[in-house]
Amino acid sequence: MAEIELSILGRQCMARRIDNMEDLRREVRAWERVRDAAATKADWQFTTADARIKLRKLYPSMDG
């Protein structure tokens, strides 16, 4: 989930140069407020079981 949020932050908020840390913090806080207020949910395209099959090489089983 963190990777998804960081990707969205990069596309929506960081698409331009920000000169200093204070401006960066202010921009990210404003983006967070809007994002939180929207309460956007993830629209997963397949089930966990399907993901375990399709992504087996990326996420190996922890069994046995």
N, C-alpha and C. Protein backbone atom coordinates (compact mmCIF):
# COMPACT_ATOMS: atom_id res chain seq x y z
N MET A 1 0.82 -1.20 0.00
CA MET A 1 0.00 0.00 0.00
C MET A 1 0.86 1.26 0.00
N ALA A 2 1.96 1.22 0.74
CA ALA A 2 2.81 2.41 0.81
C ALA A 2 3.34 2.79 -0.57
N GLU A 3 3.70 1.79 -1.36
CA GLU A 3 4.21 2.07 -2.70
C GLU A 3 3.16 2.75 -3.57
N ILE A 4 1.92 2.33 -3.41
CA ILE A 4 0.82 2.92 -4.18
C ILE A 4 0.64 4.39 -3.79
N GLU A 5 0.62 4.67 -2.48
CA GLU A 5 0.44 6.05 -2.03
C GLU A 5 1.60 6.93 -2.48
N LEU A 6 2.83 6.41 -2.40
CA LEU A 6 3.98 7.20 -2.83
C LEU A 6 3.93 7.48 -4.33
N SER A 7 3.47 6.51 -5.09
CA SER A 7 3.33 6.70 -6.53
C SER A 7 2.30 7.79 -6.84
N ILE A 8 1.18 7.75 -6.14
CA ILE A 8 0.13 8.75 -6.33
C ILE A 8 0.64 10.14 -5.91
N LEU A 9 1.34 10.19 -4.78
CA LEU A 9 1.92 11.45 -4.33
C LEU A 9 2.84 12.02 -5.40
N GLY A 10 3.67 11.19 -5.98
CA GLY A 10 4.59 11.64 -7.01
C GLY A 10 3.88 12.21 -8.23
N ARG A 11 2.80 11.55 -8.64
CA ARG A 11 2.06 12.01 -9.82
C ARG A 11 1.23 13.26 -9.54
N GLN A 12 0.59 13.30 -8.37
CA GLN A 12 -0.35 14.39 -8.10
C GLN A 12 0.29 15.61 -7.46
N CYS A 13 1.34 15.43 -6.72
CA CYS A 13 1.86 16.53 -5.92
C CYS A 13 3.29 16.92 -6.29
N MET A 14 4.07 15.99 -6.76
CA MET A 14 5.49 16.24 -6.93
C MET A 14 5.91 16.33 -8.39
N ALA A 15 5.01 16.70 -9.25
CA ALA A 15 5.29 16.75 -10.68
C ALA A 15 6.08 18.00 -11.07
N ARG A 16 6.58 18.71 -10.09
CA ARG A 16 7.36 19.91 -10.37
C ARG A 16 8.45 20.05 -9.32
N ARG A 17 9.40 20.90 -9.58
CA ARG A 17 10.50 21.13 -8.64
C ARG A 17 10.02 21.95 -7.45
N ILE A 18 10.38 21.49 -6.25
CA ILE A 18 10.08 22.22 -5.02
C ILE A 18 11.42 22.58 -4.41
N ASP A 19 11.65 23.86 -4.20
CA ASP A 19 12.98 24.37 -3.87
C ASP A 19 13.50 24.08 -2.47
N ASN A 20 12.61 23.94 -1.50
CA ASN A 20 13.12 23.76 -0.13
C ASN A 20 12.21 22.83 0.66
N MET A 21 12.74 22.36 1.79
CA MET A 21 12.02 21.37 2.60
C MET A 21 10.72 21.92 3.18
N GLU A 22 10.70 23.16 3.58
CA GLU A 22 9.47 23.71 4.17
C GLU A 22 8.35 23.75 3.13
N ASP A 23 8.64 24.15 1.93
CA ASP A 23 7.63 24.14 0.86
C ASP A 23 7.19 22.71 0.57
N LEU A 24 8.13 21.78 0.57
CA LEU A 24 7.81 20.38 0.34
C LEU A 24 6.86 19.87 1.42
N ARG A 25 7.20 20.14 2.67
CA ARG A 25 6.33 19.70 3.78
C ARG A 25 4.93 20.30 3.65
N ARG A 26 4.85 21.58 3.33
CA ARG A 26 3.55 22.26 3.19
C ARG A 26 2.73 21.64 2.05
N GLU A 27 3.37 21.38 0.93
CA GLU A 27 2.69 20.76 -0.22
C GLU A 27 2.18 19.36 0.12
N VAL A 28 3.02 18.58 0.78
CA VAL A 28 2.62 17.20 1.12
C VAL A 28 1.49 17.22 2.14
N ARG A 29 1.55 18.11 3.13
CA ARG A 29 0.44 18.20 4.11
C ARG A 29 -0.87 18.56 3.43
N ALA A 30 -0.83 19.51 2.51
CA ALA A 30 -2.04 19.91 1.79
C ALA A 30 -2.57 18.74 0.96
N TRP A 31 -1.67 18.03 0.29
CA TRP A 31 -2.06 16.87 -0.51
C TRP A 31 -2.68 15.80 0.38
N GLU A 32 -2.08 15.55 1.55
CA GLU A 32 -2.61 14.55 2.49
C GLU A 32 -4.02 14.91 2.94
N ARG A 33 -4.26 16.19 3.25
CA ARG A 33 -5.59 16.60 3.70
C ARG A 33 -6.65 16.32 2.64
N VAL A 34 -6.34 16.67 1.40
CA VAL A 34 -7.28 16.44 0.29
C VAL A 34 -7.49 14.95 0.09
N ARG A 35 -6.39 14.19 0.10
CA ARG A 35 -6.46 12.74 -0.12
C ARG A 35 -7.26 12.05 0.99
N ASP A 36 -7.01 12.44 2.23
CA ASP A 36 -7.74 11.85 3.36
C ASP A 36 -9.23 12.20 3.30
N ALA A 37 -9.53 13.43 2.95
CA ALA A 37 -10.94 13.86 2.87
C ALA A 37 -11.69 13.09 1.79
N ALA A 38 -10.99 12.75 0.71
CA ALA A 38 -11.64 12.02 -0.38
C ALA A 38 -11.91 10.56 0.00
N ALA A 39 -11.19 10.04 0.98
CA ALA A 39 -11.36 8.66 1.46
C ALA A 39 -11.39 7.67 0.29
N THR A 40 -10.47 7.84 -0.63
CA THR A 40 -10.39 6.97 -1.80
C THR A 40 -9.99 5.56 -1.39
N LYS A 41 -10.66 4.59 -1.96
CA LYS A 41 -10.37 3.19 -1.67
C LYS A 41 -9.66 2.55 -2.85
N ALA A 42 -8.88 1.54 -2.56
CA ALA A 42 -8.20 0.79 -3.63
C ALA A 42 -9.22 -0.09 -4.34
N ASP A 43 -9.14 -0.14 -5.65
CA ASP A 43 -10.02 -1.00 -6.45
C ASP A 43 -9.18 -2.17 -6.95
N TRP A 44 -9.05 -3.19 -6.10
CA TRP A 44 -8.22 -4.34 -6.44
C TRP A 44 -8.84 -5.10 -7.61
N GLN A 45 -8.02 -5.47 -8.56
CA GLN A 45 -8.49 -6.11 -9.77
C GLN A 45 -8.55 -7.63 -9.69
N PHE A 46 -7.93 -8.22 -8.67
CA PHE A 46 -8.02 -9.66 -8.51
C PHE A 46 -7.94 -10.02 -7.03
N THR A 47 -8.30 -11.24 -6.71
CA THR A 47 -8.36 -11.67 -5.32
C THR A 47 -6.96 -11.99 -4.79
N THR A 48 -6.88 -12.15 -3.49
CA THR A 48 -5.61 -12.53 -2.87
C THR A 48 -5.15 -13.88 -3.40
N ALA A 49 -6.07 -14.81 -3.56
CA ALA A 49 -5.71 -16.13 -4.10
C ALA A 49 -5.14 -16.01 -5.51
N ASP A 50 -5.76 -15.19 -6.35
CA ASP A 50 -5.24 -14.97 -7.70
C ASP A 50 -3.86 -14.32 -7.66
N ALA A 51 -3.68 -13.37 -6.74
CA ALA A 51 -2.40 -12.69 -6.62
C ALA A 51 -1.30 -13.68 -6.23
N ARG A 52 -1.62 -14.60 -5.34
CA ARG A 52 -0.62 -15.59 -4.93
C ARG A 52 -0.19 -16.46 -6.10
N ILE A 53 -1.10 -16.72 -7.02
CA ILE A 53 -0.76 -17.51 -8.21
C ILE A 53 0.03 -16.66 -9.19
N LYS A 54 -0.47 -15.50 -9.51
CA LYS A 54 0.14 -14.66 -10.54
C LYS A 54 1.47 -14.06 -10.11
N LEU A 55 1.62 -13.79 -8.84
CA LEU A 55 2.82 -13.12 -8.34
C LEU A 55 3.71 -14.05 -7.52
N ARG A 56 3.57 -15.33 -7.73
CA ARG A 56 4.29 -16.34 -6.94
C ARG A 56 5.81 -16.07 -6.92
N LYS A 57 6.38 -15.69 -8.04
CA LYS A 57 7.83 -15.45 -8.10
C LYS A 57 8.25 -14.23 -7.30
N LEU A 58 7.38 -13.23 -7.23
CA LEU A 58 7.69 -12.02 -6.46
C LEU A 58 7.48 -12.19 -4.98
N TYR A 59 6.49 -12.99 -4.61
CA TYR A 59 6.13 -13.17 -3.21
C TYR A 59 6.08 -14.67 -2.90
N PRO A 60 7.24 -15.26 -2.66
CA PRO A 60 7.27 -16.71 -2.38
C PRO A 60 6.52 -17.06 -1.10
N SER A 61 6.07 -18.28 -1.04
CA SER A 61 5.31 -18.77 0.12
C SER A 61 6.21 -18.86 1.34
N MET A 62 5.64 -18.56 2.49
CA MET A 62 6.39 -18.65 3.75
C MET A 62 6.12 -19.99 4.43
N ASP A 63 5.35 -20.87 3.78
CA ASP A 63 5.03 -22.17 4.36
C ASP A 63 6.24 -23.08 4.34
N GLY A 64 6.33 -23.92 5.37
CA GLY A 64 7.29 -25.00 5.49
C GLY A 64 8.63 -24.71 5.09
